[in-house]
């Protein structure tokens, strides 16, 4: 019976040791998360200052290089819009609420663009565009019409082979 008490005592000692190690690990993980969070919030933390300063300089250099009105190869650099009549009015009215990528991804005909604008006015708080609506819709229909997506073209001149069993 004495050995049973001893093995029970050893069991609880080992259990306490395991709980202690687990608690220590949790504290260590929380400490690491705290330091990393602080470094992200306050990049002036000495440990990360050299790395973060270099990143900030690079970002500032890139921002300084791109003018808000710059167009390269017919594409407005900042938004990705096609440079065409009505582009600036579209940028001013559309990108103040959402990304230009959302506009570019949604290719529609005139009726659908108008419906979408009216839906945004009724449900999303878009202001009355007045005369700009026609300019915007014309720009979008001309530059972002629906894509005709059909079946792929017939495969020709293909060398087929037999599958071996």
C-alpha atoms as a PDB file:
ATOM      1  CA  UNK A   1       0.000   0.000   0.000  1.00  0.00           C
ATOM      2  CA  UNK A   2       2.884   2.344   0.653  1.00  0.00           C
ATOM      3  CA  UNK A   3       4.076   1.979  -2.946  1.00  0.00           C
ATOM      4  CA  UNK A   4       0.598   2.886  -4.218  1.00  0.00           C
ATOM      5  CA  UNK A   5       0.730   6.169  -2.301  1.00  0.00           C
ATOM      6  CA  UNK A   6       4.225   6.762  -3.648  1.00  0.00           C
ATOM      7  CA  UNK A   7       3.217   6.153  -7.286  1.00  0.00           C
ATOM      8  CA  UNK A   8       0.192   8.431  -6.813  1.00  0.00           C
ATOM      9  CA  UNK A   9       2.440  11.145  -5.441  1.00  0.00           C
ATOM     10  CA  UNK A  10       4.860  10.702  -8.365  1.00  0.00           C
ATOM     11  CA  UNK A  11       1.964  10.880 -10.815  1.00  0.00           C
ATOM     12  CA  UNK A  12       0.763  14.197  -9.386  1.00  0.00           C
ATOM     13  CA  UNK A  13       4.313  15.574  -9.323  1.00  0.00           C
ATOM     14  CA  UNK A  14       4.726  14.695 -13.007  1.00  0.00           C
ATOM     15  CA  UNK A  15       1.303  16.148 -13.777  1.00  0.00           C
ATOM     16  CA  UNK A  16       2.280  19.367 -12.002  1.00  0.00           C
ATOM     17  CA  UNK A  17       5.517  19.476 -13.982  1.00  0.00           C
ATOM     18  CA  UNK A  18       3.604  19.057 -17.252  1.00  0.00           C
ATOM     19  CA  UNK A  19       1.151  21.815 -16.305  1.00  0.00           C
ATOM     20  CA  UNK A  20       4.046  24.081 -15.369  1.00  0.00           C
ATOM     21  CA  UNK A  21       5.764  23.475 -18.703  1.00  0.00           C
ATOM     22  CA  UNK A  22       2.492  24.098 -20.542  1.00  0.00           C
ATOM     23  CA  UNK A  23       1.911  27.353 -18.640  1.00  0.00           C
ATOM     24  CA  UNK A  24       5.496  28.447 -19.377  1.00  0.00           C
ATOM     25  CA  UNK A  25       5.047  27.711 -23.077  1.00  0.00           C
ATOM     26  CA  UNK A  26       1.816  29.719 -23.185  1.00  0.00           C
ATOM     27  CA  UNK A  27       3.507  32.678 -21.482  1.00  0.00           C
ATOM     28  CA  UNK A  28       6.415  32.483 -23.928  1.00  0.00           C
ATOM     29  CA  UNK A  29       4.079  32.399 -26.958  1.00  0.00           C
ATOM     30  CA  UNK A  30       2.100  35.363 -25.623  1.00  0.00           C
ATOM     31  CA  UNK A  31       5.331  37.273 -25.056  1.00  0.00           C
ATOM     32  CA  UNK A  32       6.507  36.627 -28.633  1.00  0.00           C
ATOM     33  CA  UNK A  33       3.097  37.680 -30.013  1.00  0.00           C
ATOM     34  CA  UNK A  34       3.233  40.846 -27.914  1.00  0.00           C
ATOM     35  CA  UNK A  35       6.718  41.792 -29.135  1.00  0.00           C
ATOM     36  CA  UNK A  36       5.795  41.155 -32.774  1.00  0.00           C
ATOM     37  CA  UNK A  37       2.581  43.139 -32.403  1.00  0.00           C
ATOM     38  CA  UNK A  38       4.446  46.031 -30.857  1.00  0.00           C
ATOM     39  CA  UNK A  39       7.026  45.926 -33.652  1.00  0.00           C
ATOM     40  CA  UNK A  40       4.266  46.139 -36.267  1.00  0.00           C
ATOM     41  CA  UNK A  41       2.445  48.944 -34.475  1.00  0.00           C
ATOM     42  CA  UNK A  42       5.578  50.919 -33.557  1.00  0.00           C
ATOM     43  CA  UNK A  43       8.290  50.244 -36.158  1.00  0.00           C
ATOM     44  CA  UNK A  44      10.710  52.474 -34.264  1.00  0.00           C
ATOM     45  CA  UNK A  45      11.387  49.512 -31.959  1.00  0.00           C
ATOM     46  CA  UNK A  46      15.180  49.315 -31.974  1.00  0.00           C
ATOM     47  CA  UNK A  47      15.292  45.648 -32.943  1.00  0.00           C
ATOM     48  CA  UNK A  48      13.384  46.316 -36.181  1.00  0.00           C
ATOM     49  CA  UNK A  49      14.269  49.951 -36.853  1.00  0.00           C
ATOM     50  CA  UNK A  50      16.902  49.329 -39.535  1.00  0.00           C
ATOM     51  CA  UNK A  51      14.698  46.921 -41.446  1.00  0.00           C
ATOM     52  CA  UNK A  52      11.579  49.060 -41.243  1.00  0.00           C
ATOM     53  CA  UNK A  53      13.384  52.295 -42.163  1.00  0.00           C
ATOM     54  CA  UNK A  54      14.649  50.670 -45.346  1.00  0.00           C
ATOM     55  CA  UNK A  55      11.118  49.551 -46.194  1.00  0.00           C
ATOM     56  CA  UNK A  56       9.710  53.029 -45.590  1.00  0.00           C
ATOM     57  CA  UNK A  57      12.312  54.648 -47.823  1.00  0.00           C
ATOM     58  CA  UNK A  58      11.576  52.190 -50.619  1.00  0.00           C
ATOM     59  CA  UNK A  59       7.835  52.820 -50.330  1.00  0.00           C
ATOM     60  CA  UNK A  60       8.322  56.581 -50.272  1.00  0.00           C
ATOM     61  CA  UNK A  61      10.572  56.376 -53.340  1.00  0.00           C
ATOM     62  CA  UNK A  62       7.934  54.365 -55.216  1.00  0.00           C
ATOM     63  CA  UNK A  63       5.159  56.784 -54.272  1.00  0.00           C
ATOM     64  CA  UNK A  64       7.281  59.734 -55.342  1.00  0.00           C
ATOM     65  CA  UNK A  65       7.948  58.109 -58.729  1.00  0.00           C
ATOM     66  CA  UNK A  66       4.265  57.660 -59.646  1.00  0.00           C
ATOM     67  CA  UNK A  67       2.293  60.782 -60.463  1.00  0.00           C
ATOM     68  CA  UNK A  68      -1.479  60.567 -59.812  1.00  0.00           C
ATOM     69  CA  UNK A  69      -2.153  61.411 -63.471  1.00  0.00           C
ATOM     70  CA  UNK A  70       0.592  59.257 -65.024  1.00  0.00           C
ATOM     71  CA  UNK A  71      -0.411  57.129 -68.017  1.00  0.00           C
ATOM     72  CA  UNK A  72       1.891  54.459 -69.428  1.00  0.00           C
ATOM     73  CA  UNK A  73       1.049  52.516 -72.590  1.00  0.00           C
ATOM     74  CA  UNK A  74      -2.525  53.815 -72.508  1.00  0.00           C
ATOM     75  CA  UNK A  75      -3.137  52.681 -68.903  1.00  0.00           C
ATOM     76  CA  UNK A  76      -3.565  55.050 -65.957  1.00  0.00           C
ATOM     77  CA  UNK A  77      -0.817  53.814 -63.617  1.00  0.00           C
ATOM     78  CA  UNK A  78      -2.536  54.505 -60.300  1.00  0.00           C
ATOM     79  CA  UNK A  79      -5.898  52.865 -61.147  1.00  0.00           C
ATOM     80  CA  UNK A  80      -5.283  50.562 -64.085  1.00  0.00           C
ATOM     81  CA  UNK A  81      -8.067  52.260 -66.082  1.00  0.00           C
ATOM     82  CA  UNK A  82      -7.747  52.561 -69.837  1.00  0.00           C
ATOM     83  CA  UNK A  83      -6.829  56.132 -70.798  1.00  0.00           C
ATOM     84  CA  UNK A  84      -9.820  57.381 -72.800  1.00  0.00           C
ATOM     85  CA  UNK A  85     -12.366  60.214 -72.687  1.00  0.00           C
ATOM     86  CA  UNK A  86     -14.283  60.056 -69.404  1.00  0.00           C
ATOM     87  CA  UNK A  87     -11.529  58.293 -67.466  1.00  0.00           C
ATOM     88  CA  UNK A  88     -10.905  61.108 -64.956  1.00  0.00           C
ATOM     89  CA  UNK A  89     -14.643  61.588 -64.272  1.00  0.00           C
ATOM     90  CA  UNK A  90     -14.923  57.820 -63.729  1.00  0.00           C
ATOM     91  CA  UNK A  91     -11.924  57.820 -61.383  1.00  0.00           C
ATOM     92  CA  UNK A  92     -13.300  60.750 -59.381  1.00  0.00           C
ATOM     93  CA  UNK A  93     -16.758  59.229 -58.965  1.00  0.00           C
ATOM     94  CA  UNK A  94     -16.034  55.522 -58.701  1.00  0.00           C
ATOM     95  CA  UNK A  95     -12.765  55.129 -56.834  1.00  0.00           C
ATOM     96  CA  UNK A  96     -13.776  57.312 -53.914  1.00  0.00           C
ATOM     97  CA  UNK A  97     -15.932  54.387 -52.720  1.00  0.00           C
ATOM     98  CA  UNK A  98     -14.228  51.278 -54.065  1.00  0.00           C
ATOM     99  CA  UNK A  99     -11.198  49.970 -55.892  1.00  0.00           C
ATOM    100  CA  UNK A 100     -10.801  50.540 -59.617  1.00  0.00           C
ATOM    101  CA  UNK A 101     -10.176  46.784 -59.853  1.00  0.00           C
ATOM    102  CA  UNK A 102     -13.825  46.204 -58.942  1.00  0.00           C
ATOM    103  CA  UNK A 103     -14.890  48.355 -61.894  1.00  0.00           C
ATOM    104  CA  UNK A 104     -12.448  46.716 -64.298  1.00  0.00           C
ATOM    105  CA  UNK A 105     -13.551  43.217 -63.277  1.00  0.00           C
ATOM    106  CA  UNK A 106     -17.240  43.935 -63.916  1.00  0.00           C
ATOM    107  CA  UNK A 107     -17.746  44.132 -67.653  1.00  0.00           C
ATOM    108  CA  UNK A 108     -21.313  45.066 -68.587  1.00  0.00           C
ATOM    109  CA  UNK A 109     -23.434  46.535 -71.332  1.00  0.00           C
ATOM    110  CA  UNK A 110     -24.973  50.017 -71.049  1.00  0.00           C
ATOM    111  CA  UNK A 111     -28.202  48.796 -69.464  1.00  0.00           C
ATOM    112  CA  UNK A 112     -26.373  46.813 -66.764  1.00  0.00           C
ATOM    113  CA  UNK A 113     -23.939  49.683 -65.991  1.00  0.00           C
ATOM    114  CA  UNK A 114     -26.887  52.056 -65.535  1.00  0.00           C
ATOM    115  CA  UNK A 115     -28.719  49.489 -63.364  1.00  0.00           C
ATOM    116  CA  UNK A 116     -25.583  49.039 -61.244  1.00  0.00           C
ATOM    117  CA  UNK A 117     -25.177  52.791 -60.765  1.00  0.00           C
ATOM    118  CA  UNK A 118     -28.837  53.143 -59.759  1.00  0.00           C
ATOM    119  CA  UNK A 119     -28.508  50.184 -57.372  1.00  0.00           C
ATOM    120  CA  UNK A 120     -25.490  51.884 -55.748  1.00  0.00           C
ATOM    121  CA  UNK A 121     -27.508  55.105 -55.445  1.00  0.00           C
ATOM    122  CA  UNK A 122     -30.506  53.333 -53.871  1.00  0.00           C
ATOM    123  CA  UNK A 123     -28.639  51.003 -51.523  1.00  0.00           C
ATOM    124  CA  UNK A 124     -25.035  52.129 -51.097  1.00  0.00           C
ATOM    125  CA  UNK A 125     -25.321  55.896 -50.711  1.00  0.00           C
ATOM    126  CA  UNK A 126     -23.931  56.883 -54.115  1.00  0.00           C
ATOM    127  CA  UNK A 127     -24.735  60.516 -54.875  1.00  0.00           C
ATOM    128  CA  UNK A 128     -26.646  61.758 -57.921  1.00  0.00           C
ATOM    129  CA  UNK A 129     -24.096  61.791 -60.732  1.00  0.00           C
ATOM    130  CA  UNK A 130     -26.056  64.277 -62.855  1.00  0.00           C
ATOM    131  CA  UNK A 131     -24.424  64.812 -66.253  1.00  0.00           C
ATOM    132  CA  UNK A 132     -21.468  62.687 -65.156  1.00  0.00           C
ATOM    133  CA  UNK A 133     -23.586  59.513 -65.303  1.00  0.00           C
ATOM    134  CA  UNK A 134     -23.646  59.545 -69.128  1.00  0.00           C
ATOM    135  CA  UNK A 135     -19.899  60.292 -69.282  1.00  0.00           C
ATOM    136  CA  UNK A 136     -19.152  57.425 -66.883  1.00  0.00           C
ATOM    137  CA  UNK A 137     -21.477  54.939 -68.578  1.00  0.00           C
ATOM    138  CA  UNK A 138     -20.086  55.823 -72.024  1.00  0.00           C
ATOM    139  CA  UNK A 139     -16.535  55.357 -70.727  1.00  0.00           C
ATOM    140  CA  UNK A 140     -17.378  52.002 -69.117  1.00  0.00           C
ATOM    141  CA  UNK A 141     -19.342  50.635 -72.090  1.00  0.00           C
ATOM    142  CA  UNK A 142     -16.576  51.630 -74.496  1.00  0.00           C
ATOM    143  CA  UNK A 143     -13.675  50.340 -72.419  1.00  0.00           C
ATOM    144  CA  UNK A 144     -15.189  47.574 -70.280  1.00  0.00           C
ATOM    145  CA  UNK A 145     -17.922  45.914 -72.351  1.00  0.00           C
ATOM    146  CA  UNK A 146     -19.018  42.350 -71.656  1.00  0.00           C
ATOM    147  CA  UNK A 147     -16.601  39.695 -72.864  1.00  0.00           C
ATOM    148  CA  UNK A 148     -18.070  37.069 -75.109  1.00  0.00           C
ATOM    149  CA  UNK A 149     -17.134  33.829 -73.472  1.00  0.00           C
ATOM    150  CA  UNK A 150     -18.099  30.704 -75.314  1.00  0.00           C
ATOM    151  CA  UNK A 151     -16.766  27.289 -75.876  1.00  0.00           C
ATOM    152  CA  UNK A 152     -13.130  26.905 -76.657  1.00  0.00           C
ATOM    153  CA  UNK A 153     -12.186  26.575 -80.293  1.00  0.00           C
ATOM    154  CA  UNK A 154     -12.060  23.151 -81.886  1.00  0.00           C
ATOM    155  CA  UNK A 155      -8.758  21.344 -81.348  1.00  0.00           C
ATOM    156  CA  UNK A 156      -6.940  20.737 -84.612  1.00  0.00           C
ATOM    157  CA  UNK A 157      -3.746  18.954 -85.653  1.00  0.00           C
ATOM    158  CA  UNK A 158      -3.546  16.964 -82.427  1.00  0.00           C
ATOM    159  CA  UNK A 159      -1.649  13.695 -82.270  1.00  0.00           C
ATOM    160  CA  UNK A 160      -3.783  11.436 -80.118  1.00  0.00           C
ATOM    161  CA  UNK A 161      -2.351   8.376 -78.475  1.00  0.00           C
ATOM    162  CA  UNK A 162      -3.805   5.189 -77.034  1.00  0.00           C
ATOM    163  CA  UNK A 163      -3.816   4.760 -73.294  1.00  0.00           C
ATOM    164  CA  UNK A 164      -2.230   1.544 -72.166  1.00  0.00           C
ATOM    165  CA  UNK A 165      -4.118  -0.527 -69.644  1.00  0.00           C
END
